PDB file of N, CA and C in Angstrom:
ATOM      1  N   UNK A   1    -134.000  -5.855 -49.420  1.00  0.00           N
ATOM      2  CA  UNK A   1    -132.468  -5.609 -48.676  1.00  0.00           C
ATOM      3  C   UNK A   1    -131.932  -6.969 -48.407  1.00  0.00           C
ATOM      4  N   UNK A   2    -130.473  -6.884 -48.639  1.00  0.00           N
ATOM      5  CA  UNK A   2    -129.711  -8.053 -48.304  1.00  0.00           C
ATOM      6  C   UNK A   2    -128.849  -8.103 -46.919  1.00  0.00           C
ATOM      7  N   UNK A   3    -129.004  -8.731 -46.084  1.00  0.00           N
ATOM      8  CA  UNK A   3    -128.264  -8.522 -44.559  1.00  0.00           C
ATOM      9  C   UNK A   3    -127.391  -9.548 -44.225  1.00  0.00           C
ATOM     10  N   UNK A   4    -125.901  -8.974 -44.003  1.00  0.00           N
ATOM     11  CA  UNK A   4    -124.926  -9.474 -43.281  1.00  0.00           C
ATOM     12  C   UNK A   4    -125.614 -11.183 -42.982  1.00  0.00           C
ATOM     13  N   UNK A   5    -126.299 -10.013 -41.723  1.00  0.00           N
ATOM     14  CA  UNK A   5    -126.960 -11.633 -40.732  1.00  0.00           C
ATOM     15  C   UNK A   5    -127.337 -13.026 -41.190  1.00  0.00           C
ATOM     16  N   UNK A   6    -127.589 -12.421 -42.211  1.00  0.00           N
ATOM     17  CA  UNK A   6    -128.518 -13.612 -43.082  1.00  0.00           C
ATOM     18  C   UNK A   6    -127.066 -14.857 -43.514  1.00  0.00           C
ATOM     19  N   UNK A   7    -126.105 -14.588 -43.738  1.00  0.00           N
ATOM     20  CA  UNK A   7    -125.128 -15.412 -43.730  1.00  0.00           C
ATOM     21  C   UNK A   7    -124.700 -15.788 -42.621  1.00  0.00           C
ATOM     22  N   UNK A   8    -124.710 -14.906 -41.658  1.00  0.00           N
ATOM     23  CA  UNK A   8    -124.147 -15.364 -40.153  1.00  0.00           C
ATOM     24  C   UNK A   8    -124.593 -16.717 -39.318  1.00  0.00           C
ATOM     25  N   UNK A   9    -125.551 -17.188 -40.049  1.00  0.00           N
ATOM     26  CA  UNK A   9    -126.525 -18.473 -39.525  1.00  0.00           C
ATOM     27  C   UNK A   9    -125.265 -19.858 -39.866  1.00  0.00           C
ATOM     28  N   UNK A  10    -124.957 -20.605 -38.811  1.00  0.00           N
ATOM     29  CA  UNK A  10    -124.039 -21.710 -39.275  1.00  0.00           C
ATOM     30  C   UNK A  10    -124.876 -22.831 -39.669  1.00  0.00           C
ATOM     31  N   UNK A  11    -126.578 -22.511 -39.552  1.00  0.00           N
ATOM     32  CA  UNK A  11    -127.207 -23.720 -40.129  1.00  0.00           C
ATOM     33  C   UNK A  11    -127.231 -24.306 -41.581  1.00  0.00           C
ATOM     34  N   UNK A  12    -127.404 -25.473 -42.193  1.00  0.00           N
ATOM     35  CA  UNK A  12    -127.065 -25.971 -43.365  1.00  0.00           C
ATOM     36  C   UNK A  12    -128.230 -25.771 -43.988  1.00  0.00           C
ATOM     37  N   UNK A  13    -128.406 -25.647 -45.224  1.00  0.00           N
ATOM     38  CA  UNK A  13    -129.722 -26.040 -46.212  1.00  0.00           C
ATOM     39  C   UNK A  13    -130.956 -25.566 -45.754  1.00  0.00           C
ATOM     40  N   UNK A  14    -130.538 -24.092 -46.162  1.00  0.00           N
ATOM     41  CA  UNK A  14    -132.303 -23.263 -45.776  1.00  0.00           C
ATOM     42  C   UNK A  14    -132.921 -24.290 -46.856  1.00  0.00           C
ATOM     43  N   UNK A  15    -134.246 -24.477 -46.437  1.00  0.00           N
ATOM     44  CA  UNK A  15    -135.094 -24.924 -47.380  1.00  0.00           C
ATOM     45  C   UNK A  15    -136.469 -24.402 -47.604  1.00  0.00           C
ATOM     46  N   UNK A  16    -137.052 -23.667 -46.204  1.00  0.00           N
ATOM     47  CA  UNK A  16    -138.101 -23.068 -46.679  1.00  0.00           C
ATOM     48  C   UNK A  16    -138.080 -22.223 -45.958  1.00  0.00           C
ATOM     49  N   UNK A  17    -139.036 -20.683 -46.711  1.00  0.00           N
ATOM     50  CA  UNK A  17    -139.165 -19.468 -45.245  1.00  0.00           C
ATOM     51  C   UNK A  17    -140.472 -19.751 -45.237  1.00  0.00           C
ATOM     52  N   UNK A  18    -140.873 -18.682 -44.228  1.00  0.00           N
ATOM     53  CA  UNK A  18    -142.219 -18.326 -44.137  1.00  0.00           C
ATOM     54  C   UNK A  18    -142.078 -16.929 -43.167  1.00  0.00           C
ATOM     55  N   UNK A  19    -142.688 -16.106 -43.525  1.00  0.00           N
ATOM     56  CA  UNK A  19    -142.866 -14.916 -43.012  1.00  0.00           C
ATOM     57  C   UNK A  19    -144.211 -14.919 -42.310  1.00  0.00           C
ATOM     58  N   UNK A  20    -144.390 -13.623 -40.894  1.00  0.00           N
ATOM     59  CA  UNK A  20    -145.524 -13.840 -39.960  1.00  0.00           C
ATOM     60  C   UNK A  20    -146.347 -12.789 -40.914  1.00  0.00           C
ATOM     61  N   UNK A  21    -147.382 -12.858 -40.578  1.00  0.00           N
ATOM     62  CA  UNK A  21    -148.682 -11.801 -41.233  1.00  0.00           C
ATOM     63  C   UNK A  21    -147.917 -10.303 -41.288  1.00  0.00           C
ATOM     64  N   UNK A  22    -147.755 -10.155 -39.978  1.00  0.00           N
ATOM     65  CA  UNK A  22    -147.228  -8.623 -39.515  1.00  0.00           C
ATOM     66  C   UNK A  22    -146.081  -8.098 -39.930  1.00  0.00           C
ATOM     67  N   UNK A  23    -145.270  -8.963 -40.372  1.00  0.00           N
ATOM     68  CA  UNK A  23    -143.697  -8.796 -41.491  1.00  0.00           C
ATOM     69  C   UNK A  23    -142.974  -8.616 -40.087  1.00  0.00           C
ATOM     70  N   UNK A  24    -142.805  -8.953 -39.306  1.00  0.00           N
ATOM     71  CA  UNK A  24    -142.036  -8.873 -38.384  1.00  0.00           C
ATOM     72  C   UNK A  24    -140.690 -10.100 -38.321  1.00  0.00           C
ATOM     73  N   UNK A  25    -141.270 -10.968 -38.788  1.00  0.00           N
ATOM     74  CA  UNK A  25    -140.384 -12.282 -38.432  1.00  0.00           C
ATOM     75  C   UNK A  25    -140.459 -13.212 -39.394  1.00  0.00           C
ATOM     76  N   UNK A  26    -139.282 -13.917 -39.817  1.00  0.00           N
ATOM     77  CA  UNK A  26    -138.948 -14.727 -40.505  1.00  0.00           C
ATOM     78  C   UNK A  26    -138.457 -16.369 -40.069  1.00  0.00           C
ATOM     79  N   UNK A  27    -138.732 -17.335 -40.652  1.00  0.00           N
ATOM     80  CA  UNK A  27    -138.219 -18.317 -40.232  1.00  0.00           C
ATOM     81  C   UNK A  27    -137.691 -19.611 -41.125  1.00  0.00           C
ATOM     82  N   UNK A  28    -136.474 -19.998 -41.548  1.00  0.00           N
ATOM     83  CA  UNK A  28    -136.064 -21.164 -42.188  1.00  0.00           C
ATOM     84  C   UNK A  28    -135.858 -22.159 -41.848  1.00  0.00           C
ATOM     85  N   UNK A  29    -136.252 -23.541 -42.378  1.00  0.00           N
ATOM     86  CA  UNK A  29    -136.151 -24.727 -42.318  1.00  0.00           C
ATOM     87  C   UNK A  29    -135.140 -24.977 -42.826  1.00  0.00           C
ATOM     88  N   UNK A  30    -133.918 -25.610 -41.787  1.00  0.00           N
ATOM     89  CA  UNK A  30    -132.389 -25.748 -42.224  1.00  0.00           C
ATOM     90  C   UNK A  30    -132.346 -27.914 -42.478  1.00  0.00           C
ATOM     91  N   UNK A  31    -132.774 -27.961 -43.604  1.00  0.00           N
ATOM     92  CA  UNK A  31    -132.743 -29.137 -43.930  1.00  0.00           C
ATOM     93  C   UNK A  31    -131.572 -30.196 -43.329  1.00  0.00           C
ATOM     94  N   UNK A  32    -130.551 -29.650 -43.330  1.00  0.00           N
ATOM     95  CA  UNK A  32    -129.062 -30.304 -43.687  1.00  0.00           C
ATOM     96  C   UNK A  32    -129.123 -30.388 -42.473  1.00  0.00           C
ATOM     97  N   UNK A  33    -129.209 -29.122 -41.061  1.00  0.00           N
ATOM     98  CA  UNK A  33    -128.984 -28.874 -39.680  1.00  0.00           C
ATOM     99  C   UNK A  33    -129.857 -29.474 -38.817  1.00  0.00           C
ATOM    100  N   UNK A  34    -131.162 -29.777 -39.291  1.00  0.00           N
ATOM    101  CA  UNK A  34    -132.245 -30.100 -38.184  1.00  0.00           C
ATOM    102  C   UNK A  34    -132.484 -28.925 -37.786  1.00  0.00           C
ATOM    103  N   UNK A  35    -133.056 -28.290 -37.830  1.00  0.00           N
ATOM    104  CA  UNK A  35    -133.091 -27.000 -37.114  1.00  0.00           C
ATOM    105  C   UNK A  35    -133.757 -25.939 -37.708  1.00  0.00           C
ATOM    106  N   UNK A  36    -133.894 -24.569 -37.085  1.00  0.00           N
ATOM    107  CA  UNK A  36    -135.069 -23.414 -37.587  1.00  0.00           C
ATOM    108  C   UNK A  36    -134.600 -22.619 -37.338  1.00  0.00           C
ATOM    109  N   UNK A  37    -134.021 -21.240 -37.852  1.00  0.00           N
ATOM    110  CA  UNK A  37    -133.558 -20.408 -37.991  1.00  0.00           C
ATOM    111  C   UNK A  37    -134.594 -19.245 -38.264  1.00  0.00           C
ATOM    112  N   UNK A  38    -134.593 -17.979 -37.041  1.00  0.00           N
ATOM    113  CA  UNK A  38    -135.493 -17.239 -36.881  1.00  0.00           C
ATOM    114  C   UNK A  38    -134.814 -15.668 -37.391  1.00  0.00           C
ATOM    115  N   UNK A  39    -135.463 -14.652 -37.692  1.00  0.00           N
ATOM    116  CA  UNK A  39    -135.200 -13.487 -38.331  1.00  0.00           C
ATOM    117  C   UNK A  39    -136.214 -12.516 -37.848  1.00  0.00           C
ATOM    118  N   UNK A  40    -135.567 -11.436 -37.297  1.00  0.00           N
ATOM    119  CA  UNK A  40    -136.546 -10.266 -37.036  1.00  0.00           C
ATOM    120  C   UNK A  40    -136.309  -9.469 -38.498  1.00  0.00           C
ATOM    121  N   UNK A  41    -137.501  -8.731 -39.060  1.00  0.00           N
ATOM    122  CA  UNK A  41    -137.284  -8.101 -39.947  1.00  0.00           C
ATOM    123  C   UNK A  41    -137.453  -6.396 -39.729  1.00  0.00           C
ATOM    124  N   UNK A  42    -136.624  -6.243 -40.294  1.00  0.00           N
ATOM    125  CA  UNK A  42    -136.549  -4.294 -39.848  1.00  0.00           C
ATOM    126  C   UNK A  42    -137.490  -3.457 -40.795  1.00  0.00           C
ATOM    127  N   UNK A  43    -137.844  -2.598 -40.295  1.00  0.00           N
ATOM    128  CA  UNK A  43    -138.715  -1.748 -41.110  1.00  0.00           C
ATOM    129  C   UNK A  43    -138.203  -1.685 -42.724  1.00  0.00           C
ATOM    130  N   UNK A  44    -136.885  -1.365 -42.422  1.00  0.00           N
ATOM    131  CA  UNK A  44    -136.308  -1.319 -44.006  1.00  0.00           C
ATOM    132  C   UNK A  44    -135.962  -2.421 -44.567  1.00  0.00           C
ATOM    133  N   UNK A  45    -136.841  -3.415 -44.055  1.00  0.00           N
ATOM    134  CA  UNK A  45    -136.667  -4.836 -44.859  1.00  0.00           C
ATOM    135  C   UNK A  45    -135.575  -5.861 -44.612  1.00  0.00           C
ATOM    136  N   UNK A  46    -134.500  -5.388 -43.592  1.00  0.00           N
ATOM    137  CA  UNK A  46    -133.140  -6.039 -43.044  1.00  0.00           C
ATOM    138  C   UNK A  46    -133.579  -7.078 -42.281  1.00  0.00           C
ATOM    139  N   UNK A  47    -133.210  -8.165 -41.905  1.00  0.00           N
ATOM    140  CA  UNK A  47    -132.709  -9.105 -41.547  1.00  0.00           C
ATOM    141  C   UNK A  47    -131.713  -9.148 -40.516  1.00  0.00           C
ATOM    142  N   UNK A  48    -131.986  -9.470 -39.178  1.00  0.00           N
ATOM    143  CA  UNK A  48    -131.579 -10.083 -38.063  1.00  0.00           C
ATOM    144  C   UNK A  48    -131.319 -10.984 -37.452  1.00  0.00           C
ATOM    145  N   UNK A  49    -130.506 -12.267 -37.173  1.00  0.00           N
ATOM    146  CA  UNK A  49    -131.100 -13.557 -36.338  1.00  0.00           C
ATOM    147  C   UNK A  49    -131.820 -12.821 -35.283  1.00  0.00           C
ATOM    148  N   UNK A  50    -132.557 -13.812 -34.529  1.00  0.00           N
ATOM    149  CA  UNK A  50    -132.740 -13.605 -33.663  1.00  0.00           C
ATOM    150  C   UNK A  50    -131.782 -14.694 -32.357  1.00  0.00           C
ATOM    151  N   UNK A  51    -131.435 -15.278 -33.044  1.00  0.00           N
ATOM    152  CA  UNK A  51    -130.034 -16.052 -32.131  1.00  0.00           C
ATOM    153  C   UNK A  51    -128.834 -15.941 -33.031  1.00  0.00           C
ATOM    154  N   UNK A  52    -127.347 -15.711 -31.871  1.00  0.00           N
ATOM    155  CA  UNK A  52    -126.586 -15.363 -32.688  1.00  0.00           C
ATOM    156  C   UNK A  52    -125.997 -16.428 -33.394  1.00  0.00           C
ATOM    157  N   UNK A  53    -126.543 -18.003 -33.159  1.00  0.00           N
ATOM    158  CA  UNK A  53    -125.822 -18.790 -33.547  1.00  0.00           C
ATOM    159  C   UNK A  53    -126.519 -19.089 -34.986  1.00  0.00           C
ATOM    160  N   UNK A  54    -127.687 -18.440 -34.446  1.00  0.00           N
ATOM    161  CA  UNK A  54    -128.726 -18.907 -35.872  1.00  0.00           C
ATOM    162  C   UNK A  54    -129.576 -20.057 -35.783  1.00  0.00           C
ATOM    163  N   UNK A  55    -129.429 -20.630 -34.555  1.00  0.00           N
ATOM    164  CA  UNK A  55    -130.413 -21.628 -34.230  1.00  0.00           C
ATOM    165  C   UNK A  55    -131.418 -21.426 -33.364  1.00  0.00           C
ATOM    166  N   UNK A  56    -132.559 -20.848 -33.830  1.00  0.00           N
ATOM    167  CA  UNK A  56    -133.856 -20.607 -32.874  1.00  0.00           C
ATOM    168  C   UNK A  56    -134.520 -22.111 -32.520  1.00  0.00           C
ATOM    169  N   UNK A  57    -134.674 -23.178 -32.916  1.00  0.00           N
ATOM    170  CA  UNK A  57    -135.458 -24.282 -32.559  1.00  0.00           C
ATOM    171  C   UNK A  57    -134.554 -25.362 -33.340  1.00  0.00           C
ATOM    172  N   UNK A  58    -134.699 -26.619 -32.545  1.00  0.00           N
ATOM    173  CA  UNK A  58    -134.039 -27.691 -33.001  1.00  0.00           C
ATOM    174  C   UNK A  58    -135.569 -29.020 -33.479  1.00  0.00           C
ATOM    175  N   UNK A  59    -135.348 -29.139 -34.855  1.00  0.00           N
ATOM    176  CA  UNK A  59    -136.347 -30.102 -35.064  1.00  0.00           C
ATOM    177  C   UNK A  59    -135.584 -31.773 -34.860  1.00  0.00           C
ATOM    178  N   UNK A  60    -134.271 -31.582 -35.070  1.00  0.00           N
ATOM    179  CA  UNK A  60    -133.976 -33.122 -35.370  1.00  0.00           C
ATOM    180  C   UNK A  60    -134.380 -33.528 -37.029  1.00  0.00           C
ATOM    181  N   UNK A  61    -134.046 -34.531 -37.317  1.00  0.00           N
ATOM    182  CA  UNK A  61    -134.127 -35.279 -38.638  1.00  0.00           C
ATOM    183  C   UNK A  61    -134.084 -33.970 -39.552  1.00  0.00           C
ATOM    184  N   UNK A  62    -134.941 -34.185 -40.639  1.00  0.00           N
ATOM    185  CA  UNK A  62    -134.650 -32.904 -42.097  1.00  0.00           C
ATOM    186  C   UNK A  62    -136.049 -32.185 -42.324  1.00  0.00           C
ATOM    187  N   UNK A  63    -136.158 -30.844 -41.528  1.00  0.00           N
ATOM    188  CA  UNK A  63    -137.520 -30.382 -41.945  1.00  0.00           C
ATOM    189  C   UNK A  63    -137.567 -29.534 -43.483  1.00  0.00           C
ATOM    190  N   UNK A  64    -138.414 -29.628 -43.809  1.00  0.00           N
ATOM    191  CA  UNK A  64    -138.216 -29.390 -44.909  1.00  0.00           C
ATOM    192  C   UNK A  64    -139.477 -28.414 -45.746  1.00  0.00           C
ATOM    193  N   UNK A  65    -140.507 -28.579 -45.089  1.00  0.00           N
ATOM    194  CA  UNK A  65    -141.768 -27.227 -45.305  1.00  0.00           C
ATOM    195  C   UNK A  65    -141.848 -26.599 -43.910  1.00  0.00           C
ATOM    196  N   UNK A  66    -143.028 -25.355 -43.990  1.00  0.00           N
ATOM    197  CA  UNK A  66    -142.824 -24.857 -43.028  1.00  0.00           C
ATOM    198  C   UNK A  66    -144.088 -23.940 -42.974  1.00  0.00           C
ATOM    199  N   UNK A  67    -145.188 -23.747 -42.054  1.00  0.00           N
ATOM    200  CA  UNK A  67    -146.052 -22.788 -42.607  1.00  0.00           C
ATOM    201  C   UNK A  67    -147.018 -22.298 -41.265  1.00  0.00           C
ATOM    202  N   UNK A  68    -147.395 -21.229 -41.077  1.00  0.00           N
ATOM    203  CA  UNK A  68    -147.665 -20.539 -40.011  1.00  0.00           C
ATOM    204  C   UNK A  68    -149.417 -20.495 -39.657  1.00  0.00           C
ATOM    205  N   UNK A  69    -149.752 -20.329 -38.758  1.00  0.00           N
ATOM    206  CA  UNK A  69    -151.228 -20.749 -38.510  1.00  0.00           C
ATOM    207  C   UNK A  69    -151.403 -18.721 -38.923  1.00  0.00           C
ATOM    208  N   UNK A  70    -153.126 -19.495 -38.893  1.00  0.00           N
ATOM    209  CA  UNK A  70    -153.619 -17.934 -39.782  1.00  0.00           C
ATOM    210  C   UNK A  70    -153.181 -16.765 -38.823  1.00  0.00           C
ATOM    211  N   UNK A  71    -153.119 -16.793 -37.342  1.00  0.00           N
ATOM    212  CA  UNK A  71    -152.668 -15.572 -36.515  1.00  0.00           C
ATOM    213  C   UNK A  71    -151.219 -15.892 -36.101  1.00  0.00           C
ATOM    214  N   UNK A  72    -150.465 -16.599 -37.079  1.00  0.00           N
ATOM    215  CA  UNK A  72    -149.423 -16.827 -36.191  1.00  0.00           C
ATOM    216  C   UNK A  72    -148.902 -16.844 -35.194  1.00  0.00           C
ATOM    217  N   UNK A  73    -149.456 -17.781 -34.235  1.00  0.00           N
ATOM    218  CA  UNK A  73    -149.337 -17.881 -33.431  1.00  0.00           C
ATOM    219  C   UNK A  73    -148.669 -19.399 -32.797  1.00  0.00           C
ATOM    220  N   UNK A  74    -148.547 -20.252 -33.745  1.00  0.00           N
ATOM    221  CA  UNK A  74    -148.167 -21.322 -34.382  1.00  0.00           C
ATOM    222  C   UNK A  74    -147.433 -21.478 -35.632  1.00  0.00           C
ATOM    223  N   UNK A  75    -145.975 -22.408 -35.464  1.00  0.00           N
ATOM    224  CA  UNK A  75    -145.338 -22.765 -36.702  1.00  0.00           C
ATOM    225  C   UNK A  75    -145.445 -24.091 -36.955  1.00  0.00           C
ATOM    226  N   UNK A  76    -145.874 -24.770 -37.927  1.00  0.00           N
ATOM    227  CA  UNK A  76    -145.613 -26.344 -37.831  1.00  0.00           C
ATOM    228  C   UNK A  76    -144.776 -26.479 -39.628  1.00  0.00           C
ATOM    229  N   UNK A  77    -143.807 -27.711 -39.138  1.00  0.00           N
ATOM    230  CA  UNK A  77    -142.881 -27.835 -39.487  1.00  0.00           C
ATOM    231  C   UNK A  77    -142.969 -29.088 -40.044  1.00  0.00           C
ATOM    232  N   UNK A  78    -142.730 -29.397 -41.000  1.00  0.00           N
ATOM    233  CA  UNK A  78    -143.128 -30.925 -41.717  1.00  0.00           C
ATOM    234  C   UNK A  78    -141.824 -31.719 -41.538  1.00  0.00           C
ATOM    235  N   UNK A  79    -141.242 -32.768 -40.824  1.00  0.00           N
ATOM    236  CA  UNK A  79    -139.841 -33.504 -40.854  1.00  0.00           C
ATOM    237  C   UNK A  79    -140.048 -34.479 -41.561  1.00  0.00           C
ATOM    238  N   UNK A  80    -138.933 -34.540 -42.915  1.00  0.00           N
ATOM    239  CA  UNK A  80    -138.686 -35.656 -43.558  1.00  0.00           C
ATOM    240  C   UNK A  80    -138.236 -36.690 -42.917  1.00  0.00           C
ATOM    241  N   UNK A  81    -137.282 -36.243 -42.558  1.00  0.00           N
ATOM    242  CA  UNK A  81    -136.801 -37.906 -41.220  1.00  0.00           C
ATOM    243  C   UNK A  81    -137.320 -38.199 -40.699  1.00  0.00           C
ATOM    244  N   UNK A  82    -138.005 -37.754 -39.740  1.00  0.00           N
ATOM    245  CA  UNK A  82    -139.065 -38.462 -38.753  1.00  0.00           C
ATOM    246  C   UNK A  82    -140.653 -38.503 -39.348  1.00  0.00           C
ATOM    247  N   UNK A  83    -140.650 -37.950 -40.426  1.00  0.00           N
ATOM    248  CA  UNK A  83    -142.105 -38.120 -40.951  1.00  0.00           C
ATOM    249  C   UNK A  83    -142.958 -38.069 -40.218  1.00  0.00           C
ATOM    250  N   UNK A  84    -142.752 -36.567 -39.736  1.00  0.00           N
ATOM    251  CA  UNK A  84    -143.531 -35.771 -38.691  1.00  0.00           C
ATOM    252  C   UNK A  84    -143.732 -34.337 -39.104  1.00  0.00           C
ATOM    253  N   UNK A  85    -145.077 -33.783 -38.791  1.00  0.00           N
ATOM    254  CA  UNK A  85    -145.079 -32.356 -38.341  1.00  0.00           C
ATOM    255  C   UNK A  85    -144.752 -31.904 -36.726  1.00  0.00           C
ATOM    256  N   UNK A  86    -143.812 -31.151 -36.543  1.00  0.00           N
ATOM    257  CA  UNK A  86    -143.530 -30.948 -35.463  1.00  0.00           C
ATOM    258  C   UNK A  86    -144.374 -29.400 -35.484  1.00  0.00           C
ATOM    259  N   UNK A  87    -144.684 -29.124 -34.112  1.00  0.00           N
ATOM    260  CA  UNK A  87    -145.436 -27.707 -33.663  1.00  0.00           C
ATOM    261  C   UNK A  87    -144.682 -26.705 -32.736  1.00  0.00           C
ATOM    262  N   UNK A  88    -144.740 -25.352 -33.218  1.00  0.00           N
ATOM    263  CA  UNK A  88    -143.893 -24.697 -32.074  1.00  0.00           C
ATOM    264  C   UNK A  88    -144.764 -23.459 -32.003  1.00  0.00           C
ATOM    265  N   UNK A  89    -144.888 -23.132 -30.879  1.00  0.00           N
ATOM    266  CA  UNK A  89    -145.177 -21.768 -30.257  1.00  0.00           C
ATOM    267  C   UNK A  89    -144.753 -20.875 -30.508  1.00  0.00           C
ATOM    268  N   UNK A  90    -145.409 -19.711 -31.423  1.00  0.00           N
ATOM    269  CA  UNK A  90    -144.474 -18.171 -31.808  1.00  0.00           C
ATOM    270  C   UNK A  90    -144.777 -17.305 -30.551  1.00  0.00           C
ATOM    271  N   UNK A  91    -143.668 -17.095 -29.781  1.00  0.00           N
ATOM    272  CA  UNK A  91    -143.763 -16.003 -28.717  1.00  0.00           C
ATOM    273  C   UNK A  91    -143.521 -14.536 -29.482  1.00  0.00           C
ATOM    274  N   UNK A  92    -144.127 -13.554 -28.699  1.00  0.00           N
ATOM    275  CA  UNK A  92    -144.003 -12.147 -28.799  1.00  0.00           C
ATOM    276  C   UNK A  92    -142.703 -11.356 -29.387  1.00  0.00           C
ATOM    277  N   UNK A  93    -141.522 -12.333 -29.161  1.00  0.00           N
ATOM    278  CA  UNK A  93    -140.266 -11.862 -29.171  1.00  0.00           C
ATOM    279  C   UNK A  93    -140.278 -12.521 -30.369  1.00  0.00           C
ATOM    280  N   UNK A  94    -140.497 -13.404 -31.426  1.00  0.00           N
ATOM    281  CA  UNK A  94    -140.094 -14.217 -32.386  1.00  0.00           C
ATOM    282  C   UNK A  94    -139.562 -15.663 -31.998  1.00  0.00           C
ATOM    283  N   UNK A  95    -139.646 -15.593 -30.691  1.00  0.00           N
ATOM    284  CA  UNK A  95    -138.968 -17.456 -30.266  1.00  0.00           C
ATOM    285  C   UNK A  95    -139.785 -18.725 -30.742  1.00  0.00           C
ATOM    286  N   UNK A  96    -139.085 -19.128 -30.385  1.00  0.00           N
ATOM    287  CA  UNK A  96    -140.254 -20.635 -30.755  1.00  0.00           C
ATOM    288  C   UNK A  96    -139.947 -21.649 -29.673  1.00  0.00           C
ATOM    289  N   UNK A  97    -141.522 -21.691 -29.406  1.00  0.00           N
ATOM    290  CA  UNK A  97    -141.105 -23.172 -27.949  1.00  0.00           C
ATOM    291  C   UNK A  97    -142.153 -24.553 -28.761  1.00  0.00           C
ATOM    292  N   UNK A  98    -141.048 -25.521 -28.085  1.00  0.00           N
ATOM    293  CA  UNK A  98    -141.296 -26.803 -28.831  1.00  0.00           C
ATOM    294  C   UNK A  98    -142.706 -26.679 -27.946  1.00  0.00           C
ATOM    295  N   UNK A  99    -143.361 -27.545 -29.237  1.00  0.00           N
ATOM    296  CA  UNK A  99    -144.737 -28.383 -28.363  1.00  0.00           C
ATOM    297  C   UNK A  99    -144.594 -29.728 -28.516  1.00  0.00           C
ATOM    298  N   UNK A 100    -144.269 -30.443 -27.834  1.00  0.00           N
ATOM    299  CA  UNK A 100    -143.808 -31.964 -27.814  1.00  0.00           C
ATOM    300  C   UNK A 100    -145.478 -32.513 -27.564  1.00  0.00           C
ATOM    301  N   UNK A 101    -145.707 -33.535 -28.482  1.00  0.00           N
ATOM    302  CA  UNK A 101    -146.565 -34.454 -28.610  1.00  0.00           C
ATOM    303  C   UNK A 101    -148.205 -33.431 -29.397  1.00  0.00           C
ATOM    304  N   UNK A 102    -147.536 -32.608 -29.462  1.00  0.00           N
ATOM    305  CA  UNK A 102    -148.974 -31.567 -30.562  1.00  0.00           C
ATOM    306  C   UNK A 102    -148.841 -31.660 -32.009  1.00  0.00           C
ATOM    307  N   UNK A 103    -147.739 -32.630 -32.443  1.00  0.00           N
ATOM    308  CA  UNK A 103    -148.068 -32.715 -33.846  1.00  0.00           C
ATOM    309  C   UNK A 103    -148.696 -33.988 -34.148  1.00  0.00           C
ATOM    310  N   UNK A 104    -148.244 -34.394 -35.481  1.00  0.00           N
ATOM    311  CA  UNK A 104    -148.777 -35.357 -36.341  1.00  0.00           C
ATOM    312  C   UNK A 104    -147.712 -36.265 -36.486  1.00  0.00           C
ATOM    313  N   UNK A 105    -147.851 -37.509 -36.275  1.00  0.00           N
ATOM    314  CA  UNK A 105    -146.960 -38.229 -36.427  1.00  0.00           C
ATOM    315  C   UNK A 105    -147.238 -39.529 -37.699  1.00  0.00           C
ATOM    316  N   UNK A 106    -146.329 -40.274 -37.924  1.00  0.00           N
ATOM    317  CA  UNK A 106    -146.727 -41.389 -38.991  1.00  0.00           C
ATOM    318  C   UNK A 106    -147.137 -41.029 -40.199  1.00  0.00           C
ATOM    319  N   UNK A 107    -146.368 -39.876 -40.874  1.00  0.00           N
ATOM    320  CA  UNK A 107    -146.513 -39.457 -42.264  1.00  0.00           C
ATOM    321  C   UNK A 107    -146.009 -40.987 -42.990  1.00  0.00           C
ATOM    322  N   UNK A 108    -146.649 -40.731 -44.434  1.00  0.00           N
ATOM    323  CA  UNK A 108    -145.849 -41.808 -45.195  1.00  0.00           C
ATOM    324  C   UNK A 108    -145.015 -40.991 -45.735  1.00  0.00           C
ATOM    325  N   UNK A 109    -143.455 -42.032 -46.242  1.00  0.00           N
ATOM    326  CA  UNK A 109    -142.729 -41.821 -46.472  1.00  0.00           C
ATOM    327  C   UNK A 109    -143.024 -41.070 -47.742  1.00  0.00           C
ATOM    328  N   UNK A 110    -141.737 -39.879 -48.387  1.00  0.00           N
ATOM    329  CA  UNK A 110    -141.902 -38.813 -49.132  1.00  0.00           C
ATOM    330  C   UNK A 110    -142.945 -37.948 -49.322  1.00  0.00           C
ATOM    331  N   UNK A 111    -143.613 -37.751 -48.453  1.00  0.00           N
ATOM    332  CA  UNK A 111    -144.567 -36.645 -48.129  1.00  0.00           C
ATOM    333  C   UNK A 111    -143.775 -35.805 -48.218  1.00  0.00           C
ATOM    334  N   UNK A 112    -144.815 -34.880 -48.975  1.00  0.00           N
ATOM    335  CA  UNK A 112    -144.551 -33.253 -48.918  1.00  0.00           C
ATOM    336  C   UNK A 112    -145.284 -31.964 -49.133  1.00  0.00           C
ATOM    337  N   UNK A 113    -144.793 -30.758 -48.639  1.00  0.00           N
ATOM    338  CA  UNK A 113    -145.871 -30.213 -48.372  1.00  0.00           C
ATOM    339  C   UNK A 113    -146.371 -29.696 -47.584  1.00  0.00           C
ATOM    340  N   UNK A 114    -147.043 -28.540 -46.954  1.00  0.00           N
ATOM    341  CA  UNK A 114    -147.730 -27.922 -45.786  1.00  0.00           C
ATOM    342  C   UNK A 114    -148.496 -27.133 -45.924  1.00  0.00           C
ATOM    343  N   UNK A 115    -150.034 -26.771 -45.770  1.00  0.00           N
ATOM    344  CA  UNK A 115    -150.232 -26.028 -45.713  1.00  0.00           C
ATOM    345  C   UNK A 115    -151.253 -25.913 -44.202  1.00  0.00           C
ATOM    346  N   UNK A 116    -151.101 -24.212 -43.614  1.00  0.00           N
ATOM    347  CA  UNK A 116    -151.895 -24.264 -42.027  1.00  0.00           C
ATOM    348  C   UNK A 116    -152.915 -23.493 -42.082  1.00  0.00           C
ATOM    349  N   UNK A 117    -154.134 -23.593 -41.566  1.00  0.00           N
ATOM    350  CA  UNK A 117    -154.978 -22.224 -41.437  1.00  0.00           C
ATOM    351  C   UNK A 117    -154.944 -21.673 -40.245  1.00  0.00           C
TER     352      UNK A 117
END
């Protein structure tokens, strides 16, 4: 089902989408905006923004890939511009809390793809 709220986000260049294993939340990396948009997924498959402006988290740079940990407690985001993997804790309400210093930096230029377990 397509929801009007999907298009309400002001963020640019959605690149990657991940959904939690329980099907309650989805996250898009917005390469053009250096951000992440979060969505609540309704029982009927409808989407609603977690934040009215579509800005759930700021990564800076160009987030191109994302992966959730097996237990959905952490979101890992590959940032092409900063050449690092940023880490966010996923709260019970779907909000994201940045964990500075928890990521991996100094990745090779042109790195692509991300898997989390």
